[in-house]
Amino acid sequence: MEMLVILIPVSLLLGGLGLAAFVWAVRGRQYEDPSGDAARILVKDWDERPKP
């Protein structure tokens, strides 16, 4: 039971860090165009890239 005094705050801290990283990625527009990124990897030539 004494270990829970350490594990609960550590898990809350790690969860908060993960949530902060996710919010930072969303605000940094990391998830703006996922379908364009998926199609871009299949294009052979850079001139044939899909237009944003």
N, C-alpha and C. Protein backbone atom coordinates (compact mmCIF):
# COMPACT_ATOMS: atom_id res chain seq x y z
N MET A 1 0.82 -1.20 0.00
CA MET A 1 0.00 0.00 0.00
C MET A 1 0.86 1.26 0.00
N GLU A 2 2.03 1.17 0.61
CA GLU A 2 2.89 2.35 0.64
C GLU A 2 3.42 2.70 -0.75
N MET A 3 3.52 1.68 -1.60
CA MET A 3 4.00 1.92 -2.96
C MET A 3 2.98 2.73 -3.77
N LEU A 4 1.70 2.63 -3.44
CA LEU A 4 0.68 3.38 -4.15
C LEU A 4 0.83 4.89 -3.95
N VAL A 5 1.41 5.28 -2.84
CA VAL A 5 1.65 6.70 -2.58
C VAL A 5 2.63 7.26 -3.61
N ILE A 6 3.49 6.43 -4.13
CA ILE A 6 4.45 6.86 -5.15
C ILE A 6 3.89 6.63 -6.55
N LEU A 7 3.26 5.47 -6.77
CA LEU A 7 2.82 5.11 -8.11
C LEU A 7 1.67 5.96 -8.63
N ILE A 8 0.75 6.34 -7.78
CA ILE A 8 -0.39 7.14 -8.24
C ILE A 8 0.05 8.53 -8.72
N PRO A 9 0.84 9.29 -7.97
CA PRO A 9 1.29 10.59 -8.50
C PRO A 9 2.17 10.46 -9.74
N VAL A 10 2.99 9.43 -9.80
CA VAL A 10 3.85 9.24 -10.97
C VAL A 10 2.99 8.94 -12.20
N SER A 11 1.98 8.09 -12.06
CA SER A 11 1.12 7.78 -13.19
C SER A 11 0.30 8.99 -13.61
N LEU A 12 -0.16 9.80 -12.68
CA LEU A 12 -0.87 11.03 -13.02
C LEU A 12 0.04 12.02 -13.74
N LEU A 13 1.28 12.10 -13.30
CA LEU A 13 2.25 12.99 -13.95
C LEU A 13 2.53 12.53 -15.37
N LEU A 14 2.74 11.24 -15.58
CA LEU A 14 3.00 10.73 -16.92
C LEU A 14 1.79 10.88 -17.83
N GLY A 15 0.61 10.66 -17.29
CA GLY A 15 -0.61 10.88 -18.07
C GLY A 15 -0.78 12.33 -18.46
N GLY A 16 -0.47 13.23 -17.54
CA GLY A 16 -0.54 14.67 -17.84
C GLY A 16 0.48 15.08 -18.90
N LEU A 17 1.67 14.49 -18.83
CA LEU A 17 2.68 14.79 -19.85
C LEU A 17 2.24 14.29 -21.23
N GLY A 18 1.64 13.11 -21.26
CA GLY A 18 1.13 12.58 -22.52
C GLY A 18 0.02 13.45 -23.08
N LEU A 19 -0.87 13.89 -22.23
CA LEU A 19 -1.95 14.77 -22.67
C LEU A 19 -1.41 16.11 -23.16
N ALA A 20 -0.42 16.66 -22.47
CA ALA A 20 0.19 17.92 -22.90
C ALA A 20 0.89 17.76 -24.25
N ALA A 21 1.55 16.63 -24.47
CA ALA A 21 2.21 16.39 -25.75
C ALA A 21 1.18 16.27 -26.87
N PHE A 22 0.05 15.62 -26.59
CA PHE A 22 -1.01 15.51 -27.60
C PHE A 22 -1.60 16.87 -27.94
N VAL A 23 -1.88 17.68 -26.94
CA VAL A 23 -2.43 19.02 -27.17
C VAL A 23 -1.44 19.87 -27.95
N TRP A 24 -0.15 19.74 -27.62
CA TRP A 24 0.89 20.49 -28.32
C TRP A 24 0.94 20.08 -29.80
N ALA A 25 0.79 18.78 -30.08
CA ALA A 25 0.82 18.30 -31.45
C ALA A 25 -0.41 18.78 -32.23
N VAL A 26 -1.56 18.80 -31.59
CA VAL A 26 -2.77 19.26 -32.27
C VAL A 26 -2.68 20.75 -32.55
N ARG A 27 -2.19 21.51 -31.62
CA ARG A 27 -2.05 22.96 -31.84
C ARG A 27 -0.97 23.28 -32.86
N GLY A 28 0.01 22.39 -32.99
CA GLY A 28 1.06 22.57 -33.99
C GLY A 28 0.67 22.07 -35.36
N ARG A 29 -0.60 21.71 -35.53
CA ARG A 29 -1.18 21.28 -36.80
C ARG A 29 -0.50 20.03 -37.35
N GLN A 30 -0.17 19.08 -36.49
CA GLN A 30 0.45 17.83 -36.91
C GLN A 30 -0.55 16.91 -37.60
N TYR A 31 -1.83 17.08 -37.33
CA TYR A 31 -2.86 16.20 -37.87
C TYR A 31 -3.73 16.91 -38.90
N GLU A 32 -3.19 17.88 -39.62
CA GLU A 32 -3.95 18.70 -40.55
C GLU A 32 -4.42 17.91 -41.77
N ASP A 33 -3.54 17.13 -42.40
CA ASP A 33 -3.87 16.49 -43.68
C ASP A 33 -3.39 15.04 -43.69
N PRO A 34 -4.03 14.16 -42.93
CA PRO A 34 -3.55 12.78 -42.89
C PRO A 34 -3.78 12.03 -44.20
N SER A 35 -4.82 12.34 -44.96
CA SER A 35 -5.04 11.63 -46.22
C SER A 35 -4.03 12.05 -47.28
N GLY A 36 -3.62 13.29 -47.26
CA GLY A 36 -2.59 13.75 -48.19
C GLY A 36 -1.25 13.11 -47.91
N ASP A 37 -0.92 12.94 -46.65
CA ASP A 37 0.33 12.28 -46.30
C ASP A 37 0.31 10.81 -46.70
N ALA A 38 -0.84 10.17 -46.57
CA ALA A 38 -0.95 8.76 -46.95
C ALA A 38 -0.80 8.59 -48.46
N ALA A 39 -1.32 9.52 -49.24
CA ALA A 39 -1.22 9.43 -50.69
C ALA A 39 0.16 9.85 -51.18
N ARG A 40 0.81 10.74 -50.48
CA ARG A 40 2.11 11.26 -50.90
C ARG A 40 3.19 10.20 -50.90
N ILE A 41 3.09 9.22 -50.02
CA ILE A 41 4.11 8.19 -49.96
C ILE A 41 4.05 7.25 -51.17
N LEU A 42 2.91 7.20 -51.85
CA LEU A 42 2.75 6.33 -53.00
C LEU A 42 3.17 6.99 -54.32
N VAL A 43 3.41 8.27 -54.32
CA VAL A 43 3.77 9.01 -55.53
C VAL A 43 5.23 8.75 -55.85
N LYS A 44 5.51 8.42 -57.12
CA LYS A 44 6.89 8.12 -57.53
C LYS A 44 7.71 9.38 -57.77
N ASP A 45 7.09 10.39 -58.36
CA ASP A 45 7.81 11.60 -58.72
C ASP A 45 7.32 12.77 -57.88
N TRP A 46 8.23 13.64 -57.51
CA TRP A 46 7.84 14.79 -56.69
C TRP A 46 6.94 15.76 -57.45
N ASP A 47 7.00 15.76 -58.79
CA ASP A 47 6.16 16.66 -59.57
C ASP A 47 4.69 16.23 -59.57
N GLU A 48 4.43 14.97 -59.22
CA GLU A 48 3.07 14.46 -59.22
C GLU A 48 2.42 14.52 -57.83
N ARG A 49 3.00 15.28 -56.96
CA ARG A 49 2.45 15.38 -55.60
C ARG A 49 1.05 15.94 -55.62
N PRO A 50 0.19 15.46 -54.72
CA PRO A 50 -1.14 16.08 -54.61
C PRO A 50 -1.02 17.51 -54.08
N LYS A 51 -1.81 18.38 -54.64
CA LYS A 51 -1.79 19.79 -54.22
C LYS A 51 -2.50 19.93 -52.89
N PRO A 52 -1.95 20.74 -51.96
CA PRO A 52 -2.62 20.91 -50.64
C PRO A 52 -3.90 21.68 -50.72
